[in-house]
Amino acid sequence: MLSTAGVVLGLPLAIVGARLLRSFLFGLAPEDPLALVLAVLGTCAVVVVASVIPARRATRVDPLVALRYE
């Protein structure tokens, strides 16, 4: 949910920022759909990896042990 909000808010900001930095973009248009899609997919991949690792680690803990720890 949070990553979706980040993509929805970040995509327009990325387009505006790319227009402002047009002189630094060599061989790339500010509204290049391939670059934007790759950036979104890369962000989603990082979100999945960042959430799967702690979730897998949490499934290995016995619930009674976790409750006693707190």
PDB file of N, CA and C in Angstrom:
ATOM      1  N   MET A   1       0.832  -1.190   0.000  1.00  0.00           N
ATOM      2  CA  MET A   1       0.000   0.000   0.000  1.00  0.00           C
ATOM      3  C   MET A   1       0.878   1.256   0.000  1.00  0.00           C
ATOM      4  N   LEU A   2       1.880   1.248   0.838  1.00  0.00           N
ATOM      5  CA  LEU A   2       2.758   2.402   0.929  1.00  0.00           C
ATOM      6  C   LEU A   2       3.590   2.558  -0.337  1.00  0.00           C
ATOM      7  N   SER A   3       4.004   1.435  -0.914  1.00  0.00           N
ATOM      8  CA  SER A   3       4.781   1.518  -2.149  1.00  0.00           C
ATOM      9  C   SER A   3       3.925   2.029  -3.304  1.00  0.00           C
ATOM     10  N   THR A   4       2.647   1.672  -3.316  1.00  0.00           N
ATOM     11  CA  THR A   4       1.749   2.171  -4.362  1.00  0.00           C
ATOM     12  C   THR A   4       1.591   3.679  -4.243  1.00  0.00           C
ATOM     13  N   ALA A   5       1.448   4.165  -3.040  1.00  0.00           N
ATOM     14  CA  ALA A   5       1.345   5.610  -2.841  1.00  0.00           C
ATOM     15  C   ALA A   5       2.638   6.298  -3.273  1.00  0.00           C
ATOM     16  N   GLY A   6       3.763   5.683  -3.006  1.00  0.00           N
ATOM     17  CA  GLY A   6       5.037   6.255  -3.420  1.00  0.00           C
ATOM     18  C   GLY A   6       5.175   6.318  -4.929  1.00  0.00           C
ATOM     19  N   VAL A   7       4.718   5.277  -5.611  1.00  0.00           N
ATOM     20  CA  VAL A   7       4.781   5.270  -7.067  1.00  0.00           C
ATOM     21  C   VAL A   7       3.823   6.311  -7.645  1.00  0.00           C
ATOM     22  N   VAL A   8       2.614   6.375  -7.100  1.00  0.00           N
ATOM     23  CA  VAL A   8       1.612   7.328  -7.606  1.00  0.00           C
ATOM     24  C   VAL A   8       2.084   8.761  -7.401  1.00  0.00           C
ATOM     25  N   LEU A   9       2.688   9.054  -6.287  1.00  0.00           N
ATOM     26  CA  LEU A   9       3.186  10.406  -6.032  1.00  0.00           C
ATOM     27  C   LEU A   9       4.522  10.672  -6.716  1.00  0.00           C
ATOM     28  N   GLY A  10       5.345   9.647  -6.820  1.00  0.00           N
ATOM     29  CA  GLY A  10       6.679   9.843  -7.358  1.00  0.00           C
ATOM     30  C   GLY A  10       6.742   9.935  -8.863  1.00  0.00           C
ATOM     31  N   LEU A  11       5.826   9.277  -9.556  1.00  0.00           N
ATOM     32  CA  LEU A  11       5.856   9.288 -11.012  1.00  0.00           C
ATOM     33  C   LEU A  11       5.669  10.681 -11.589  1.00  0.00           C
ATOM     34  N   PRO A  12       4.660  11.441 -11.168  1.00  0.00           N
ATOM     35  CA  PRO A  12       4.557  12.810 -11.681  1.00  0.00           C
ATOM     36  C   PRO A  12       5.740  13.690 -11.277  1.00  0.00           C
ATOM     37  N   LEU A  13       6.234  13.487 -10.077  1.00  0.00           N
ATOM     38  CA  LEU A  13       7.397  14.263  -9.639  1.00  0.00           C
ATOM     39  C   LEU A  13       8.636  13.910 -10.455  1.00  0.00           C
ATOM     40  N   ALA A  14       8.762  12.644 -10.850  1.00  0.00           N
ATOM     41  CA  ALA A  14       9.894  12.238 -11.679  1.00  0.00           C
ATOM     42  C   ALA A  14       9.813  12.873 -13.061  1.00  0.00           C
ATOM     43  N   ILE A  15       8.619  12.956 -13.596  1.00  0.00           N
ATOM     44  CA  ILE A  15       8.449  13.573 -14.916  1.00  0.00           C
ATOM     45  C   ILE A  15       8.779  15.059 -14.852  1.00  0.00           C
ATOM     46  N   VAL A  16       8.294  15.740 -13.831  1.00  0.00           N
ATOM     47  CA  VAL A  16       8.594  17.165 -13.666  1.00  0.00           C
ATOM     48  C   VAL A  16      10.088  17.372 -13.444  1.00  0.00           C
ATOM     49  N   GLY A  17      10.685  16.541 -12.615  1.00  0.00           N
ATOM     50  CA  GLY A  17      12.117  16.653 -12.364  1.00  0.00           C
ATOM     51  C   GLY A  17      12.940  16.382 -13.610  1.00  0.00           C
ATOM     52  N   ALA A  18      12.497  15.429 -14.424  1.00  0.00           N
ATOM     53  CA  ALA A  18      13.215  15.129 -15.663  1.00  0.00           C
ATOM     54  C   ALA A  18      13.135  16.297 -16.636  1.00  0.00           C
ATOM     55  N   ARG A  19      12.012  16.974 -16.646  1.00  0.00           N
ATOM     56  CA  ARG A  19      11.896  18.147 -17.512  1.00  0.00           C
ATOM     57  C   ARG A  19      12.820  19.267 -17.047  1.00  0.00           C
ATOM     58  N   LEU A  20      12.960  19.408 -15.751  1.00  0.00           N
ATOM     59  CA  LEU A  20      13.847  20.439 -15.226  1.00  0.00           C
ATOM     60  C   LEU A  20      15.319  20.096 -15.499  1.00  0.00           C
ATOM     61  N   LEU A  21      15.639  18.831 -15.524  1.00  0.00           N
ATOM     62  CA  LEU A  21      17.020  18.396 -15.727  1.00  0.00           C
ATOM     63  C   LEU A  21      17.245  17.871 -17.144  1.00  0.00           C
ATOM     64  N   ARG A  22      16.498  18.363 -18.097  1.00  0.00           N
ATOM     65  CA  ARG A  22      16.548  17.891 -19.478  1.00  0.00           C
ATOM     66  C   ARG A  22      17.961  17.930 -20.055  1.00  0.00           C
ATOM     67  N   SER A  23      18.753  18.905 -19.702  1.00  0.00           N
ATOM     68  CA  SER A  23      20.095  19.029 -20.278  1.00  0.00           C
ATOM     69  C   SER A  23      21.031  17.910 -19.810  1.00  0.00           C
ATOM     70  N   PHE A  24      20.721  17.249 -18.697  1.00  0.00           N
ATOM     71  CA  PHE A  24      21.555  16.163 -18.187  1.00  0.00           C
ATOM     72  C   PHE A  24      21.148  14.799 -18.719  1.00  0.00           C
ATOM     73  N   LEU A  25      20.001  14.709 -19.377  1.00  0.00           N
ATOM     74  CA  LEU A  25      19.495  13.435 -19.880  1.00  0.00           C
ATOM     75  C   LEU A  25      19.995  13.218 -21.308  1.00  0.00           C
ATOM     76  N   PHE A  26      21.080  12.521 -21.454  1.00  0.00           N
ATOM     77  CA  PHE A  26      21.650  12.284 -22.773  1.00  0.00           C
ATOM     78  C   PHE A  26      21.008  11.059 -23.401  1.00  0.00           C
ATOM     79  N   GLY A  27      20.337  11.238 -24.534  1.00  0.00           N
ATOM     80  CA  GLY A  27      19.709  10.126 -25.247  1.00  0.00           C
ATOM     81  C   GLY A  27      18.467   9.589 -24.575  1.00  0.00           C
ATOM     82  N   LEU A  28      17.850  10.378 -23.714  1.00  0.00           N
ATOM     83  CA  LEU A  28      16.665   9.921 -22.996  1.00  0.00           C
ATOM     84  C   LEU A  28      15.669  11.063 -22.917  1.00  0.00           C
ATOM     85  N   ALA A  29      14.451  10.808 -23.338  1.00  0.00           N
ATOM     86  CA  ALA A  29      13.403  11.823 -23.255  1.00  0.00           C
ATOM     87  C   ALA A  29      12.837  11.848 -21.837  1.00  0.00           C
ATOM     88  N   PRO A  30      12.399  12.991 -21.366  1.00  0.00           N
ATOM     89  CA  PRO A  30      11.854  13.067 -20.004  1.00  0.00           C
ATOM     90  C   PRO A  30      10.636  12.174 -19.788  1.00  0.00           C
ATOM     91  N   GLU A  31       9.860  11.957 -20.828  1.00  0.00           N
ATOM     92  CA  GLU A  31       8.659  11.123 -20.697  1.00  0.00           C
ATOM     93  C   GLU A  31       8.871   9.742 -21.298  1.00  0.00           C
ATOM     94  N   ASP A  32      10.098   9.250 -21.313  1.00  0.00           N
ATOM     95  CA  ASP A  32      10.405   7.952 -21.901  1.00  0.00           C
ATOM     96  C   ASP A  32       9.673   6.853 -21.128  1.00  0.00           C
ATOM     97  N   PRO A  33       8.706   6.191 -21.765  1.00  0.00           N
ATOM     98  CA  PRO A  33       7.908   5.199 -21.032  1.00  0.00           C
ATOM     99  C   PRO A  33       8.728   3.996 -20.557  1.00  0.00           C
ATOM    100  N   LEU A  34       9.706   3.569 -21.348  1.00  0.00           N
ATOM    101  CA  LEU A  34      10.509   2.419 -20.939  1.00  0.00           C
ATOM    102  C   LEU A  34      11.300   2.722 -19.664  1.00  0.00           C
ATOM    103  N   ALA A  35      11.886   3.896 -19.593  1.00  0.00           N
ATOM    104  CA  ALA A  35      12.652   4.269 -18.400  1.00  0.00           C
ATOM    105  C   ALA A  35      11.741   4.378 -17.173  1.00  0.00           C
ATOM    106  N   LEU A  36      10.557   4.936 -17.357  1.00  0.00           N
ATOM    107  CA  LEU A  36       9.629   5.071 -16.228  1.00  0.00           C
ATOM    108  C   LEU A  36       9.125   3.711 -15.759  1.00  0.00           C
ATOM    109  N   VAL A  37       8.814   2.823 -16.699  1.00  0.00           N
ATOM    110  CA  VAL A  37       8.338   1.492 -16.329  1.00  0.00           C
ATOM    111  C   VAL A  37       9.441   0.716 -15.620  1.00  0.00           C
ATOM    112  N   LEU A  38      10.666   0.806 -16.121  1.00  0.00           N
ATOM    113  CA  LEU A  38      11.772   0.117 -15.465  1.00  0.00           C
ATOM    114  C   LEU A  38      12.023   0.664 -14.062  1.00  0.00           C
ATOM    115  N   ALA A  39      11.878   1.961 -13.879  1.00  0.00           N
ATOM    116  CA  ALA A  39      12.053   2.545 -12.547  1.00  0.00           C
ATOM    117  C   ALA A  39      10.971   2.059 -11.588  1.00  0.00           C
ATOM    118  N   VAL A  40       9.741   1.997 -12.072  1.00  0.00           N
ATOM    119  CA  VAL A  40       8.634   1.519 -11.227  1.00  0.00           C
ATOM    120  C   VAL A  40       8.824   0.044 -10.892  1.00  0.00           C
ATOM    121  N   LEU A  41       9.187  -0.769 -11.881  1.00  0.00           N
ATOM    122  CA  LEU A  41       9.409  -2.193 -11.625  1.00  0.00           C
ATOM    123  C   LEU A  41      10.586  -2.420 -10.686  1.00  0.00           C
ATOM    124  N   GLY A  42      11.626  -1.626 -10.828  1.00  0.00           N
ATOM    125  CA  GLY A  42      12.754  -1.737  -9.908  1.00  0.00           C
ATOM    126  C   GLY A  42      12.362  -1.388  -8.482  1.00  0.00           C
ATOM    127  N   THR A  43      11.562  -0.356  -8.338  1.00  0.00           N
ATOM    128  CA  THR A  43      11.081   0.029  -7.004  1.00  0.00           C
ATOM    129  C   THR A  43      10.207  -1.070  -6.407  1.00  0.00           C
ATOM    130  N   CYS A  44       9.337  -1.640  -7.208  1.00  0.00           N
ATOM    131  CA  CYS A  44       8.474  -2.721  -6.723  1.00  0.00           C
ATOM    132  C   CYS A  44       9.292  -3.950  -6.339  1.00  0.00           C
ATOM    133  N   ALA A  45      10.335  -4.250  -7.084  1.00  0.00           N
ATOM    134  CA  ALA A  45      11.191  -5.389  -6.748  1.00  0.00           C
ATOM    135  C   ALA A  45      11.893  -5.173  -5.406  1.00  0.00           C
ATOM    136  N   VAL A  46      12.356  -3.969  -5.177  1.00  0.00           N
ATOM    137  CA  VAL A  46      13.005  -3.660  -3.897  1.00  0.00           C
ATOM    138  C   VAL A  46      12.000  -3.782  -2.749  1.00  0.00           C
ATOM    139  N   VAL A  47      10.773  -3.331  -2.966  1.00  0.00           N
ATOM    140  CA  VAL A  47       9.732  -3.425  -1.928  1.00  0.00           C
ATOM    141  C   VAL A  47       9.428  -4.882  -1.605  1.00  0.00           C
ATOM    142  N   VAL A  48       9.328  -5.720  -2.633  1.00  0.00           N
ATOM    143  CA  VAL A  48       9.031  -7.135  -2.410  1.00  0.00           C
ATOM    144  C   VAL A  48      10.158  -7.806  -1.635  1.00  0.00           C
ATOM    145  N   VAL A  49      11.385  -7.568  -2.042  1.00  0.00           N
ATOM    146  CA  VAL A  49      12.520  -8.186  -1.346  1.00  0.00           C
ATOM    147  C   VAL A  49      12.602  -7.679   0.091  1.00  0.00           C
ATOM    148  N   ALA A  50      12.372  -6.399   0.287  1.00  0.00           N
ATOM    149  CA  ALA A  50      12.460  -5.830   1.630  1.00  0.00           C
ATOM    150  C   ALA A  50      11.354  -6.334   2.547  1.00  0.00           C
ATOM    151  N   SER A  51      10.235  -6.781   2.003  1.00  0.00           N
ATOM    152  CA  SER A  51       9.162  -7.278   2.856  1.00  0.00           C
ATOM    153  C   SER A  51       9.165  -8.799   2.984  1.00  0.00           C
ATOM    154  N   VAL A  52       9.691  -9.500   2.005  1.00  0.00           N
ATOM    155  CA  VAL A  52       9.692 -10.963   2.057  1.00  0.00           C
ATOM    156  C   VAL A  52      10.707 -11.486   3.072  1.00  0.00           C
ATOM    157  N   ILE A  53      11.861 -10.889   3.130  1.00  0.00           N
ATOM    158  CA  ILE A  53      12.907 -11.389   4.034  1.00  0.00           C
ATOM    159  C   ILE A  53      12.459 -11.333   5.500  1.00  0.00           C
ATOM    160  N   PRO A  54      11.950 -10.220   6.014  1.00  0.00           N
ATOM    161  CA  PRO A  54      11.480 -10.226   7.410  1.00  0.00           C
ATOM    162  C   PRO A  54      10.260 -11.127   7.625  1.00  0.00           C
ATOM    163  N   ALA A  55       9.400 -11.239   6.615  1.00  0.00           N
ATOM    164  CA  ALA A  55       8.220 -12.094   6.757  1.00  0.00           C
ATOM    165  C   ALA A  55       8.627 -13.564   6.863  1.00  0.00           C
ATOM    166  N   ARG A  56       9.577 -13.992   6.050  1.00  0.00           N
ATOM    167  CA  ARG A  56      10.048 -15.380   6.137  1.00  0.00           C
ATOM    168  C   ARG A  56      10.726 -15.640   7.481  1.00  0.00           C
ATOM    169  N   ARG A  57      11.471 -14.664   7.963  1.00  0.00           N
ATOM    170  CA  ARG A  57      12.138 -14.822   9.254  1.00  0.00           C
ATOM    171  C   ARG A  57      11.107 -14.908  10.382  1.00  0.00           C
ATOM    172  N   ALA A  58      10.032 -14.141  10.270  1.00  0.00           N
ATOM    173  CA  ALA A  58       8.998 -14.153  11.305  1.00  0.00           C
ATOM    174  C   ALA A  58       8.214 -15.460  11.311  1.00  0.00           C
ATOM    175  N   THR A  59       8.069 -16.120  10.162  1.00  0.00           N
ATOM    176  CA  THR A  59       7.328 -17.378  10.132  1.00  0.00           C
ATOM    177  C   THR A  59       8.094 -18.511  10.796  1.00  0.00           C
ATOM    178  N   ARG A  60       9.372 -18.356  10.992  1.00  0.00           N
ATOM    179  CA  ARG A  60      10.178 -19.408  11.620  1.00  0.00           C
ATOM    180  C   ARG A  60      10.161 -19.335  13.144  1.00  0.00           C
ATOM    181  N   VAL A  61       9.601 -18.277  13.693  1.00  0.00           N
ATOM    182  CA  VAL A  61       9.576 -18.102  15.142  1.00  0.00           C
ATOM    183  C   VAL A  61       8.302 -18.727  15.702  1.00  0.00           C
ATOM    184  N   ASP A  62       8.453 -19.495  16.759  1.00  0.00           N
ATOM    185  CA  ASP A  62       7.301 -20.082  17.431  1.00  0.00           C
ATOM    186  C   ASP A  62       6.497 -18.963  18.097  1.00  0.00           C
ATOM    187  N   PRO A  63       5.182 -18.902  17.889  1.00  0.00           N
ATOM    188  CA  PRO A  63       4.383 -17.815  18.476  1.00  0.00           C
ATOM    189  C   PRO A  63       4.462 -17.743  20.001  1.00  0.00           C
ATOM    190  N   LEU A  64       4.530 -18.886  20.664  1.00  0.00           N
ATOM    191  CA  LEU A  64       4.623 -18.866  22.123  1.00  0.00           C
ATOM    192  C   LEU A  64       5.940 -18.257  22.590  1.00  0.00           C
ATOM    193  N   VAL A  65       6.999 -18.544  21.885  1.00  0.00           N
ATOM    194  CA  VAL A  65       8.300 -17.980  22.234  1.00  0.00           C
ATOM    195  C   VAL A  65       8.281 -16.472  22.026  1.00  0.00           C
ATOM    196  N   ALA A  66       7.667 -16.037  20.945  1.00  0.00           N
ATOM    197  CA  ALA A  66       7.591 -14.596  20.668  1.00  0.00           C
ATOM    198  C   ALA A  66       6.749 -13.884  21.715  1.00  0.00           C
ATOM    199  N   LEU A  67       5.653 -14.495  22.144  1.00  0.00           N
ATOM    200  CA  LEU A  67       4.807 -13.868  23.169  1.00  0.00           C
ATOM    201  C   LEU A  67       5.503 -13.823  24.518  1.00  0.00           C
ATOM    202  N   ARG A  68       6.242 -14.845  24.858  1.00  0.00           N
ATOM    203  CA  ARG A  68       6.951 -14.852  26.128  1.00  0.00           C
ATOM    204  C   ARG A  68       8.072 -13.832  26.145  1.00  0.00           C
ATOM    205  N   TYR A  69       8.668 -13.593  24.986  1.00  0.00           N
ATOM    206  CA  TYR A  69       9.765 -12.646  24.892  1.00  0.00           C
ATOM    207  C   TYR A  69       9.315 -11.239  25.238  1.00  0.00           C
ATOM    208  N   GLU A  70       8.114 -10.898  24.841  1.00  0.00           N
ATOM    209  CA  GLU A  70       7.592  -9.562  25.134  1.00  0.00           C
ATOM    210  C   GLU A  70       7.064  -9.562  26.523  1.00  0.00           C
TER     211      GLU A  70
END
